[in-house]
Amino acid sequence: MTSSIIENPGLRNQTRVFQDREEAGVYLAKALEELRGQDAIILAIPSGGVPIGLVLKSYLQLPFDLLIIRKIPIPGNPEAGFGALSFEGDMVLNEGLVHRLRLTTKEIEE
């Protein structure tokens, strides 16, 4: 599987770029137009990702499902995360962020 980051540098450090999540979904769907009808699936993370995922599903005509995970919040900043945990116990960390934040093993486990 190959992956890439879709980025518009003009949107960096901006707030309230899109009117709502539906508009954000349309923007992303246009950037992913090459996937229309391909062998792919839209996976959305509740709750904020669902409205975007539904736009992608409709626009790109792809199957849709939910990815149920738990964000691992940054200590002192519960809105931001440095990793995710699945119901099965699989953990994925943003290693670069963990390093920059100097998080200890104990802080990660907590």
PDB file of N, CA and C in Angstrom:
ATOM      1  N   MET A   1       0.841  -1.171   0.000  1.00  0.00           N
ATOM      2  CA  MET A   1       0.000   0.000   0.000  1.00  0.00           C
ATOM      3  C   MET A   1       0.889   1.238   0.000  1.00  0.00           C
ATOM      4  N   THR A   2       0.557   2.170  -0.832  1.00  0.00           N
ATOM      5  CA  THR A   2       1.295   3.427  -0.854  1.00  0.00           C
ATOM      6  C   THR A   2       0.446   4.492  -0.192  1.00  0.00           C
ATOM      7  N   SER A   3       1.110   5.467   0.352  1.00  0.00           N
ATOM      8  CA  SER A   3       0.386   6.571   0.974  1.00  0.00           C
ATOM      9  C   SER A   3       1.095   7.870   0.648  1.00  0.00           C
ATOM     10  N   SER A   4       0.364   8.933   0.775  1.00  0.00           N
ATOM     11  CA  SER A   4       0.943  10.242   0.560  1.00  0.00           C
ATOM     12  C   SER A   4       0.147  11.254   1.368  1.00  0.00           C
ATOM     13  N   ILE A   5       0.747  12.378   1.603  1.00  0.00           N
ATOM     14  CA  ILE A   5       0.082  13.451   2.316  1.00  0.00           C
ATOM     15  C   ILE A   5      -0.444  14.438   1.291  1.00  0.00           C
ATOM     16  N   ILE A   6      -1.696  14.781   1.428  1.00  0.00           N
ATOM     17  CA  ILE A   6      -2.301  15.785   0.568  1.00  0.00           C
ATOM     18  C   ILE A   6      -2.285  17.080   1.363  1.00  0.00           C
ATOM     19  N   GLU A   7      -1.594  18.071   0.844  1.00  0.00           N
ATOM     20  CA  GLU A   7      -1.447  19.309   1.594  1.00  0.00           C
ATOM     21  C   GLU A   7      -1.549  20.508   0.670  1.00  0.00           C
ATOM     22  N   ASN A   8      -2.198  21.523   1.166  1.00  0.00           N
ATOM     23  CA  ASN A   8      -2.235  22.812   0.498  1.00  0.00           C
ATOM     24  C   ASN A   8      -1.504  23.785   1.411  1.00  0.00           C
ATOM     25  N   PRO A   9      -0.246  24.136   1.090  1.00  0.00           N
ATOM     26  CA  PRO A   9       0.523  25.020   1.979  1.00  0.00           C
ATOM     27  C   PRO A   9      -0.185  26.332   2.294  1.00  0.00           C
ATOM     28  N   GLY A  10      -1.070  26.769   1.422  1.00  0.00           N
ATOM     29  CA  GLY A  10      -1.808  28.004   1.671  1.00  0.00           C
ATOM     30  C   GLY A  10      -2.775  27.899   2.838  1.00  0.00           C
ATOM     31  N   LEU A  11      -3.065  26.667   3.276  1.00  0.00           N
ATOM     32  CA  LEU A  11      -3.981  26.476   4.396  1.00  0.00           C
ATOM     33  C   LEU A  11      -3.260  26.313   5.729  1.00  0.00           C
ATOM     34  N   ARG A  12      -1.929  26.302   5.697  1.00  0.00           N
ATOM     35  CA  ARG A  12      -1.166  26.144   6.940  1.00  0.00           C
ATOM     36  C   ARG A  12      -1.439  27.301   7.888  1.00  0.00           C
ATOM     37  N   ASN A  13      -1.485  26.958   9.164  1.00  0.00           N
ATOM     38  CA  ASN A  13      -1.658  27.947  10.241  1.00  0.00           C
ATOM     39  C   ASN A  13      -2.921  28.792  10.087  1.00  0.00           C
ATOM     40  N   GLN A  14      -3.901  28.266   9.402  1.00  0.00           N
ATOM     41  CA  GLN A  14      -5.172  28.959   9.225  1.00  0.00           C
ATOM     42  C   GLN A  14      -6.210  28.353  10.162  1.00  0.00           C
ATOM     43  N   THR A  15      -7.165  29.132  10.572  1.00  0.00           N
ATOM     44  CA  THR A  15      -8.294  28.616  11.339  1.00  0.00           C
ATOM     45  C   THR A  15      -9.567  28.910  10.572  1.00  0.00           C
ATOM     46  N   ARG A  16     -10.554  28.072  10.808  1.00  0.00           N
ATOM     47  CA  ARG A  16     -11.861  28.228  10.163  1.00  0.00           C
ATOM     48  C   ARG A  16     -11.737  28.351   8.642  1.00  0.00           C
ATOM     49  N   VAL A  17     -10.971  27.430   8.077  1.00  0.00           N
ATOM     50  CA  VAL A  17     -10.741  27.425   6.634  1.00  0.00           C
ATOM     51  C   VAL A  17     -12.021  27.040   5.894  1.00  0.00           C
ATOM     52  N   PHE A  18     -12.773  26.090   6.454  1.00  0.00           N
ATOM     53  CA  PHE A  18     -13.979  25.600   5.806  1.00  0.00           C
ATOM     54  C   PHE A  18     -15.203  26.022   6.612  1.00  0.00           C
ATOM     55  N   GLN A  19     -16.306  26.207   5.923  1.00  0.00           N
ATOM     56  CA  GLN A  19     -17.556  26.597   6.579  1.00  0.00           C
ATOM     57  C   GLN A  19     -18.007  25.513   7.556  1.00  0.00           C
ATOM     58  N   ASP A  20     -17.848  24.254   7.150  1.00  0.00           N
ATOM     59  CA  ASP A  20     -18.243  23.127   7.991  1.00  0.00           C
ATOM     60  C   ASP A  20     -17.531  21.870   7.492  1.00  0.00           C
ATOM     61  N   ARG A  21     -17.812  20.734   8.128  1.00  0.00           N
ATOM     62  CA  ARG A  21     -17.135  19.485   7.751  1.00  0.00           C
ATOM     63  C   ARG A  21     -17.560  19.002   6.359  1.00  0.00           C
ATOM     64  N   GLU A  22     -18.783  19.324   5.966  1.00  0.00           N
ATOM     65  CA  GLU A  22     -19.227  18.946   4.619  1.00  0.00           C
ATOM     66  C   GLU A  22     -18.386  19.652   3.557  1.00  0.00           C
ATOM     67  N   GLU A  23     -18.148  20.924   3.743  1.00  0.00           N
ATOM     68  CA  GLU A  23     -17.312  21.659   2.791  1.00  0.00           C
ATOM     69  C   GLU A  23     -15.887  21.096   2.784  1.00  0.00           C
ATOM     70  N   ALA A  24     -15.376  20.735   3.968  1.00  0.00           N
ATOM     71  CA  ALA A  24     -14.048  20.124   4.042  1.00  0.00           C
ATOM     72  C   ALA A  24     -14.033  18.800   3.287  1.00  0.00           C
ATOM     73  N   GLY A  25     -15.125  18.035   3.390  1.00  0.00           N
ATOM     74  CA  GLY A  25     -15.225  16.767   2.673  1.00  0.00           C
ATOM     75  C   GLY A  25     -15.202  16.954   1.165  1.00  0.00           C
ATOM     76  N   VAL A  26     -15.887  17.960   0.680  1.00  0.00           N
ATOM     77  CA  VAL A  26     -15.887  18.248  -0.766  1.00  0.00           C
ATOM     78  C   VAL A  26     -14.474  18.597  -1.222  1.00  0.00           C
ATOM     79  N   TYR A  27     -13.785  19.425  -0.445  1.00  0.00           N
ATOM     80  CA  TYR A  27     -12.411  19.805  -0.775  1.00  0.00           C
ATOM     81  C   TYR A  27     -11.524  18.562  -0.860  1.00  0.00           C
ATOM     82  N   LEU A  28     -11.630  17.687   0.146  1.00  0.00           N
ATOM     83  CA  LEU A  28     -10.818  16.474   0.165  1.00  0.00           C
ATOM     84  C   LEU A  28     -11.213  15.513  -0.965  1.00  0.00           C
ATOM     85  N   ALA A  29     -12.498  15.402  -1.225  1.00  0.00           N
ATOM     86  CA  ALA A  29     -12.961  14.516  -2.302  1.00  0.00           C
ATOM     87  C   ALA A  29     -12.394  14.951  -3.650  1.00  0.00           C
ATOM     88  N   LYS A  30     -12.348  16.233  -3.892  1.00  0.00           N
ATOM     89  CA  LYS A  30     -11.780  16.727  -5.152  1.00  0.00           C
ATOM     90  C   LYS A  30     -10.293  16.392  -5.242  1.00  0.00           C
ATOM     91  N   ALA A  31      -9.600  16.451  -4.101  1.00  0.00           N
ATOM     92  CA  ALA A  31      -8.174  16.116  -4.089  1.00  0.00           C
ATOM     93  C   ALA A  31      -7.949  14.619  -4.296  1.00  0.00           C
ATOM     94  N   LEU A  32      -8.961  13.809  -3.974  1.00  0.00           N
ATOM     95  CA  LEU A  32      -8.857  12.347  -4.106  1.00  0.00           C
ATOM     96  C   LEU A  32      -9.623  11.810  -5.308  1.00  0.00           C
ATOM     97  N   GLU A  33      -9.964  12.674  -6.232  1.00  0.00           N
ATOM     98  CA  GLU A  33     -10.781  12.303  -7.399  1.00  0.00           C
ATOM     99  C   GLU A  33     -10.275  11.041  -8.101  1.00  0.00           C
ATOM    100  N   GLU A  34      -8.974  10.843  -8.150  1.00  0.00           N
ATOM    101  CA  GLU A  34      -8.406   9.671  -8.841  1.00  0.00           C
ATOM    102  C   GLU A  34      -8.853   8.351  -8.213  1.00  0.00           C
ATOM    103  N   LEU A  35      -9.385   8.384  -7.009  1.00  0.00           N
ATOM    104  CA  LEU A  35      -9.839   7.160  -6.340  1.00  0.00           C
ATOM    105  C   LEU A  35     -11.285   6.796  -6.667  1.00  0.00           C
ATOM    106  N   ARG A  36     -11.998   7.671  -7.378  1.00  0.00           N
ATOM    107  CA  ARG A  36     -13.405   7.400  -7.691  1.00  0.00           C
ATOM    108  C   ARG A  36     -13.560   6.031  -8.338  1.00  0.00           C
ATOM    109  N   GLY A  37     -14.391   5.203  -7.705  1.00  0.00           N
ATOM    110  CA  GLY A  37     -14.700   3.882  -8.238  1.00  0.00           C
ATOM    111  C   GLY A  37     -13.562   2.875  -8.156  1.00  0.00           C
ATOM    112  N   GLN A  38     -12.462   3.211  -7.524  1.00  0.00           N
ATOM    113  CA  GLN A  38     -11.323   2.297  -7.419  1.00  0.00           C
ATOM    114  C   GLN A  38     -11.560   1.285  -6.298  1.00  0.00           C
ATOM    115  N   ASP A  39     -10.633   0.341  -6.146  1.00  0.00           N
ATOM    116  CA  ASP A  39     -10.680  -0.648  -5.081  1.00  0.00           C
ATOM    117  C   ASP A  39     -10.137   0.008  -3.811  1.00  0.00           C
ATOM    118  N   ALA A  40     -11.004   0.754  -3.137  1.00  0.00           N
ATOM    119  CA  ALA A  40     -10.606   1.499  -1.953  1.00  0.00           C
ATOM    120  C   ALA A  40     -11.806   1.568  -1.018  1.00  0.00           C
ATOM    121  N   ILE A  41     -11.568   1.969   0.203  1.00  0.00           N
ATOM    122  CA  ILE A  41     -12.632   2.124   1.189  1.00  0.00           C
ATOM    123  C   ILE A  41     -12.388   3.411   1.973  1.00  0.00           C
ATOM    124  N   ILE A  42     -13.463   4.076   2.323  1.00  0.00           N
ATOM    125  CA  ILE A  42     -13.396   5.267   3.158  1.00  0.00           C
ATOM    126  C   ILE A  42     -13.560   4.824   4.609  1.00  0.00           C
ATOM    127  N   LEU A  43     -12.567   5.099   5.438  1.00  0.00           N
ATOM    128  CA  LEU A  43     -12.640   4.823   6.869  1.00  0.00           C
ATOM    129  C   LEU A  43     -12.685   6.152   7.602  1.00  0.00           C
ATOM    130  N   ALA A  44     -13.684   6.321   8.436  1.00  0.00           N
ATOM    131  CA  ALA A  44     -13.852   7.574   9.161  1.00  0.00           C
ATOM    132  C   ALA A  44     -13.757   7.328  10.656  1.00  0.00           C
ATOM    133  N   ILE A  45     -13.195   8.301  11.357  1.00  0.00           N
ATOM    134  CA  ILE A  45     -13.087   8.236  12.806  1.00  0.00           C
ATOM    135  C   ILE A  45     -14.180   9.125  13.400  1.00  0.00           C
ATOM    136  N   PRO A  46     -15.100   8.536  14.213  1.00  0.00           N
ATOM    137  CA  PRO A  46     -16.133   9.358  14.848  1.00  0.00           C
ATOM    138  C   PRO A  46     -15.494  10.344  15.823  1.00  0.00           C
ATOM    139  N   SER A  47     -16.085  11.435  16.072  1.00  0.00           N
ATOM    140  CA  SER A  47     -17.342  11.839  15.472  1.00  0.00           C
ATOM    141  C   SER A  47     -17.097  12.813  14.327  1.00  0.00           C
ATOM    142  N   GLY A  48     -16.017  13.597  14.426  1.00  0.00           N
ATOM    143  CA  GLY A  48     -15.764  14.623  13.418  1.00  0.00           C
ATOM    144  C   GLY A  48     -15.479  14.106  12.031  1.00  0.00           C
ATOM    145  N   GLY A  49     -14.917  12.902  11.926  1.00  0.00           N
ATOM    146  CA  GLY A  49     -14.583  12.365  10.614  1.00  0.00           C
ATOM    147  C   GLY A  49     -15.760  11.795   9.853  1.00  0.00           C
ATOM    148  N   VAL A  50     -16.857  11.506  10.551  1.00  0.00           N
ATOM    149  CA  VAL A  50     -18.005  10.878   9.895  1.00  0.00           C
ATOM    150  C   VAL A  50     -18.641  11.786   8.843  1.00  0.00           C
ATOM    151  N   PRO A  51     -18.947  13.050   9.137  1.00  0.00           N
ATOM    152  CA  PRO A  51     -19.535  13.885   8.083  1.00  0.00           C
ATOM    153  C   PRO A  51     -18.619  14.026   6.865  1.00  0.00           C
ATOM    154  N   ILE A  52     -17.328  14.113   7.094  1.00  0.00           N
ATOM    155  CA  ILE A  52     -16.376  14.199   5.985  1.00  0.00           C
ATOM    156  C   ILE A  52     -16.359  12.894   5.214  1.00  0.00           C
ATOM    157  N   GLY A  53     -16.319  11.772   5.935  1.00  0.00           N
ATOM    158  CA  GLY A  53     -16.308  10.457   5.296  1.00  0.00           C
ATOM    159  C   GLY A  53     -17.544  10.200   4.454  1.00  0.00           C
ATOM    160  N   LEU A  54     -18.688  10.660   4.923  1.00  0.00           N
ATOM    161  CA  LEU A  54     -19.927  10.461   4.156  1.00  0.00           C
ATOM    162  C   LEU A  54     -19.908  11.248   2.852  1.00  0.00           C
ATOM    163  N   VAL A  55     -19.330  12.443   2.872  1.00  0.00           N
ATOM    164  CA  VAL A  55     -19.180  13.214   1.633  1.00  0.00           C
ATOM    165  C   VAL A  55     -18.255  12.456   0.681  1.00  0.00           C
ATOM    166  N   LEU A  56     -17.138  11.950   1.198  1.00  0.00           N
ATOM    167  CA  LEU A  56     -16.206  11.198   0.357  1.00  0.00           C
ATOM    168  C   LEU A  56     -16.882   9.977  -0.246  1.00  0.00           C
ATOM    169  N   LYS A  57     -17.630   9.236   0.583  1.00  0.00           N
ATOM    170  CA  LYS A  57     -18.348   8.043   0.121  1.00  0.00           C
ATOM    171  C   LYS A  57     -19.261   8.375  -1.050  1.00  0.00           C
ATOM    172  N   SER A  58     -20.026   9.436  -0.892  1.00  0.00           N
ATOM    173  CA  SER A  58     -20.978   9.829  -1.925  1.00  0.00           C
ATOM    174  C   SER A  58     -20.267  10.332  -3.181  1.00  0.00           C
ATOM    175  N   TYR A  59     -19.320  11.215  -3.009  1.00  0.00           N
ATOM    176  CA  TYR A  59     -18.634  11.843  -4.131  1.00  0.00           C
ATOM    177  C   TYR A  59     -17.767  10.854  -4.911  1.00  0.00           C
ATOM    178  N   LEU A  60     -17.049   9.997  -4.182  1.00  0.00           N
ATOM    179  CA  LEU A  60     -16.111   9.066  -4.826  1.00  0.00           C
ATOM    180  C   LEU A  60     -16.728   7.702  -5.116  1.00  0.00           C
ATOM    181  N   GLN A  61     -17.959   7.490  -4.659  1.00  0.00           N
ATOM    182  CA  GLN A  61     -18.669   6.230  -4.870  1.00  0.00           C
ATOM    183  C   GLN A  61     -17.847   5.044  -4.374  1.00  0.00           C
ATOM    184  N   LEU A  62     -17.494   5.119  -3.087  1.00  0.00           N
ATOM    185  CA  LEU A  62     -16.686   4.084  -2.450  1.00  0.00           C
ATOM    186  C   LEU A  62     -17.403   3.576  -1.204  1.00  0.00           C
ATOM    187  N   PRO A  63     -17.100   2.341  -0.797  1.00  0.00           N
ATOM    188  CA  PRO A  63     -17.679   1.841   0.458  1.00  0.00           C
ATOM    189  C   PRO A  63     -17.163   2.653   1.651  1.00  0.00           C
ATOM    190  N   PHE A  64     -17.944   2.619   2.722  1.00  0.00           N
ATOM    191  CA  PHE A  64     -17.669   3.442   3.893  1.00  0.00           C
ATOM    192  C   PHE A  64     -17.787   2.598   5.153  1.00  0.00           C
ATOM    193  N   ASP A  65     -16.893   2.821   6.096  1.00  0.00           N
ATOM    194  CA  ASP A  65     -16.984   2.157   7.391  1.00  0.00           C
ATOM    195  C   ASP A  65     -16.360   3.067   8.445  1.00  0.00           C
ATOM    196  N   LEU A  66     -16.573   2.693   9.685  1.00  0.00           N
ATOM    197  CA  LEU A  66     -16.028   3.469  10.795  1.00  0.00           C
ATOM    198  C   LEU A  66     -14.790   2.795  11.354  1.00  0.00           C
ATOM    199  N   LEU A  67     -13.858   3.591  11.782  1.00  0.00           N
ATOM    200  CA  LEU A  67     -12.651   3.130  12.448  1.00  0.00           C
ATOM    201  C   LEU A  67     -12.776   3.613  13.890  1.00  0.00           C
ATOM    202  N   ILE A  68     -13.035   2.669  14.791  1.00  0.00           N
ATOM    203  CA  ILE A  68     -13.274   3.024  16.185  1.00  0.00           C
ATOM    204  C   ILE A  68     -11.955   2.924  16.949  1.00  0.00           C
ATOM    205  N   ILE A  69     -11.457   4.080  17.346  1.00  0.00           N
ATOM    206  CA  ILE A  69     -10.208   4.140  18.096  1.00  0.00           C
ATOM    207  C   ILE A  69     -10.365   5.139  19.232  1.00  0.00           C
ATOM    208  N   ARG A  70      -9.409   5.095  20.137  1.00  0.00           N
ATOM    209  CA  ARG A  70      -9.376   6.067  21.236  1.00  0.00           C
ATOM    210  C   ARG A  70      -8.122   6.900  21.078  1.00  0.00           C
ATOM    211  N   LYS A  71      -8.301   8.199  21.076  1.00  0.00           N
ATOM    212  CA  LYS A  71      -7.160   9.111  21.014  1.00  0.00           C
ATOM    213  C   LYS A  71      -6.402   9.023  22.334  1.00  0.00           C
ATOM    214  N   ILE A  72      -5.072   9.051  22.256  1.00  0.00           N
ATOM    215  CA  ILE A  72      -4.242   9.138  23.455  1.00  0.00           C
ATOM    216  C   ILE A  72      -3.858  10.608  23.589  1.00  0.00           C
ATOM    217  N   PRO A  73      -4.462  11.309  24.568  1.00  0.00           N
ATOM    218  CA  PRO A  73      -4.275  12.752  24.645  1.00  0.00           C
ATOM    219  C   PRO A  73      -2.904  13.159  25.178  1.00  0.00           C
ATOM    220  N   ILE A  74      -2.468  14.302  24.733  1.00  0.00           N
ATOM    221  CA  ILE A  74      -1.229  14.899  25.240  1.00  0.00           C
ATOM    222  C   ILE A  74      -1.505  15.382  26.659  1.00  0.00           C
ATOM    223  N   PRO A  75      -0.639  15.034  27.606  1.00  0.00           N
ATOM    224  CA  PRO A  75      -0.853  15.506  28.974  1.00  0.00           C
ATOM    225  C   PRO A  75      -1.007  17.029  29.017  1.00  0.00           C
ATOM    226  N   GLY A  76      -2.072  17.482  29.664  1.00  0.00           N
ATOM    227  CA  GLY A  76      -2.329  18.908  29.772  1.00  0.00           C
ATOM    228  C   GLY A  76      -3.049  19.504  28.579  1.00  0.00           C
ATOM    229  N   ASN A  77      -3.275  18.710  27.528  1.00  0.00           N
ATOM    230  CA  ASN A  77      -3.968  19.204  26.331  1.00  0.00           C
ATOM    231  C   ASN A  77      -4.841  18.088  25.770  1.00  0.00           C
ATOM    232  N   PRO A  78      -6.002  17.829  26.388  1.00  0.00           N
ATOM    233  CA  PRO A  78      -6.831  16.688  25.981  1.00  0.00           C
ATOM    234  C   PRO A  78      -7.410  16.784  24.571  1.00  0.00           C
ATOM    235  N   GLU A  79      -7.374  17.960  23.956  1.00  0.00           N
ATOM    236  CA  GLU A  79      -7.880  18.101  22.587  1.00  0.00           C
ATOM    237  C   GLU A  79      -6.893  17.569  21.560  1.00  0.00           C
ATOM    238  N   ALA A  80      -5.627  17.543  21.906  1.00  0.00           N
ATOM    239  CA  ALA A  80      -4.592  17.072  20.978  1.00  0.00           C
ATOM    240  C   ALA A  80      -4.125  15.687  21.408  1.00  0.00           C
ATOM    241  N   GLY A  81      -3.706  14.898  20.446  1.00  0.00           N
ATOM    242  CA  GLY A  81      -3.258  13.550  20.764  1.00  0.00           C
ATOM    243  C   GLY A  81      -1.889  13.244  20.198  1.00  0.00           C
ATOM    244  N   PHE A  82      -1.238  12.261  20.808  1.00  0.00           N
ATOM    245  CA  PHE A  82       0.064  11.816  20.313  1.00  0.00           C
ATOM    246  C   PHE A  82       0.021  10.361  19.860  1.00  0.00           C
ATOM    247  N   GLY A  83      -1.182   9.773  19.871  1.00  0.00           N
ATOM    248  CA  GLY A  83      -1.318   8.389  19.435  1.00  0.00           C
ATOM    249  C   GLY A  83      -2.767   7.957  19.469  1.00  0.00           C
ATOM    250  N   ALA A  84      -2.972   6.668  19.163  1.00  0.00           N
ATOM    251  CA  ALA A  84      -4.314   6.098  19.154  1.00  0.00           C
ATOM    252  C   ALA A  84      -4.255   4.669  19.649  1.00  0.00           C
ATOM    253  N   LEU A  85      -5.384   4.217  20.208  1.00  0.00           N
ATOM    254  CA  LEU A  85      -5.498   2.874  20.758  1.00  0.00           C
ATOM    255  C   LEU A  85      -6.769   2.239  20.211  1.00  0.00           C
ATOM    256  N   SER A  86      -6.648   1.025  19.665  1.00  0.00           N
ATOM    257  CA  SER A  86      -7.820   0.323  19.138  1.00  0.00           C
ATOM    258  C   SER A  86      -8.481  -0.482  20.245  1.00  0.00           C
ATOM    259  N   PHE A  87      -9.710  -0.946  19.975  1.00  0.00           N
ATOM    260  CA  PHE A  87     -10.404  -1.802  20.944  1.00  0.00           C
ATOM    261  C   PHE A  87      -9.641  -3.098  21.182  1.00  0.00           C
ATOM    262  N   GLU A  88      -8.889  -3.529  20.187  1.00  0.00           N
ATOM    263  CA  GLU A  88      -8.115  -4.762  20.316  1.00  0.00           C
ATOM    264  C   GLU A  88      -6.836  -4.553  21.116  1.00  0.00           C
ATOM    265  N   GLY A  89      -6.533  -3.304  21.454  1.00  0.00           N
ATOM    266  CA  GLY A  89      -5.341  -3.008  22.238  1.00  0.00           C
ATOM    267  C   GLY A  89      -4.137  -2.604  21.412  1.00  0.00           C
ATOM    268  N   ASP A  90      -4.301  -2.486  20.103  1.00  0.00           N
ATOM    269  CA  ASP A  90      -3.194  -2.037  19.254  1.00  0.00           C
ATOM    270  C   ASP A  90      -2.974  -0.541  19.486  1.00  0.00           C
ATOM    271  N   MET A  91      -1.705  -0.165  19.662  1.00  0.00           N
ATOM    272  CA  MET A  91      -1.373   1.231  19.905  1.00  0.00           C
ATOM    273  C   MET A  91      -0.461   1.735  18.797  1.00  0.00           C
ATOM    274  N   VAL A  92      -0.780   2.917  18.305  1.00  0.00           N
ATOM    275  CA  VAL A  92       0.049   3.589  17.309  1.00  0.00           C
ATOM    276  C   VAL A  92       0.415   4.946  17.884  1.00  0.00           C
ATOM    277  N   LEU A  93       1.711   5.221  17.913  1.00  0.00           N
ATOM    278  CA  LEU A  93       2.192   6.489  18.449  1.00  0.00           C
ATOM    279  C   LEU A  93       2.801   7.339  17.350  1.00  0.00           C
ATOM    280  N   ASN A  94       2.651   8.630  17.478  1.00  0.00           N
ATOM    281  CA  ASN A  94       3.359   9.569  16.624  1.00  0.00           C
ATOM    282  C   ASN A  94       4.724   9.741  17.286  1.00  0.00           C
ATOM    283  N   GLU A  95       5.683   8.904  16.872  1.00  0.00           N
ATOM    284  CA  GLU A  95       6.992   8.839  17.541  1.00  0.00           C
ATOM    285  C   GLU A  95       7.711  10.181  17.532  1.00  0.00           C
ATOM    286  N   GLY A  96       7.601  10.912  16.443  1.00  0.00           N
ATOM    287  CA  GLY A  96       8.245  12.222  16.375  1.00  0.00           C
ATOM    288  C   GLY A  96       7.685  13.169  17.416  1.00  0.00           C
ATOM    289  N   LEU A  97       6.363  13.151  17.584  1.00  0.00           N
ATOM    290  CA  LEU A  97       5.732  14.017  18.574  1.00  0.00           C
ATOM    291  C   LEU A  97       6.068  13.565  19.990  1.00  0.00           C
ATOM    292  N   VAL A  98       6.065  12.256  20.220  1.00  0.00           N
ATOM    293  CA  VAL A  98       6.443  11.726  21.534  1.00  0.00           C
ATOM    294  C   VAL A  98       7.843  12.209  21.896  1.00  0.00           C
ATOM    295  N   HIS A  99       8.746  12.169  20.932  1.00  0.00           N
ATOM    296  CA  HIS A  99      10.124  12.609  21.161  1.00  0.00           C
ATOM    297  C   HIS A  99      10.178  14.118  21.447  1.00  0.00           C
ATOM    298  N   ARG A 100       9.471  14.903  20.618  1.00  0.00           N
ATOM    299  CA  ARG A 100       9.485  16.366  20.807  1.00  0.00           C
ATOM    300  C   ARG A 100       8.884  16.774  22.143  1.00  0.00           C
ATOM    301  N   LEU A 101       7.860  16.026  22.589  1.00  0.00           N
ATOM    302  CA  LEU A 101       7.218  16.341  23.862  1.00  0.00           C
ATOM    303  C   LEU A 101       7.981  15.759  25.058  1.00  0.00           C
ATOM    304  N   ARG A 102       8.979  14.926  24.748  1.00  0.00           N
ATOM    305  CA  ARG A 102       9.782  14.270  25.787  1.00  0.00           C
ATOM    306  C   ARG A 102       8.903  13.471  26.756  1.00  0.00           C
ATOM    307  N   LEU A 103       7.935  12.754  26.192  1.00  0.00           N
ATOM    308  CA  LEU A 103       7.048  11.949  27.015  1.00  0.00           C
ATOM    309  C   LEU A 103       7.786  10.714  27.525  1.00  0.00           C
ATOM    310  N   THR A 104       7.598  10.413  28.790  1.00  0.00           N
ATOM    311  CA  THR A 104       8.218   9.224  29.370  1.00  0.00           C
ATOM    312  C   THR A 104       7.327   8.011  29.130  1.00  0.00           C
ATOM    313  N   THR A 105       7.889   6.838  29.308  1.00  0.00           N
ATOM    314  CA  THR A 105       7.116   5.607  29.184  1.00  0.00           C
ATOM    315  C   THR A 105       5.935   5.630  30.159  1.00  0.00           C
ATOM    316  N   LYS A 106       6.161   6.120  31.354  1.00  0.00           N
ATOM    317  CA  LYS A 106       5.099   6.206  32.358  1.00  0.00           C
ATOM    318  C   LYS A 106       3.965   7.123  31.884  1.00  0.00           C
ATOM    319  N   GLU A 107       4.325   8.284  31.316  1.00  0.00           N
ATOM    320  CA  GLU A 107       3.298   9.208  30.819  1.00  0.00           C
ATOM    321  C   GLU A 107       2.506   8.581  29.683  1.00  0.00           C
ATOM    322  N   ILE A 108       3.178   7.845  28.828  1.00  0.00           N
ATOM    323  CA  ILE A 108       2.488   7.182  27.710  1.00  0.00           C
ATOM    324  C   ILE A 108       1.541   6.118  28.244  1.00  0.00           C
ATOM    325  N   GLU A 109       1.990   5.329  29.204  1.00  0.00           N
ATOM    326  CA  GLU A 109       1.146   4.264  29.765  1.00  0.00           C
ATOM    327  C   GLU A 109      -0.059   4.824  30.512  1.00  0.00           C
ATOM    328  N   GLU A 110       0.113   5.961  31.181  1.00  0.00           N
ATOM    329  CA  GLU A 110      -0.996   6.570  31.918  1.00  0.00           C
ATOM    330  C   GLU A 110      -2.082   7.041  30.970  1.00  0.00           C
TER     331      GLU A 110
END
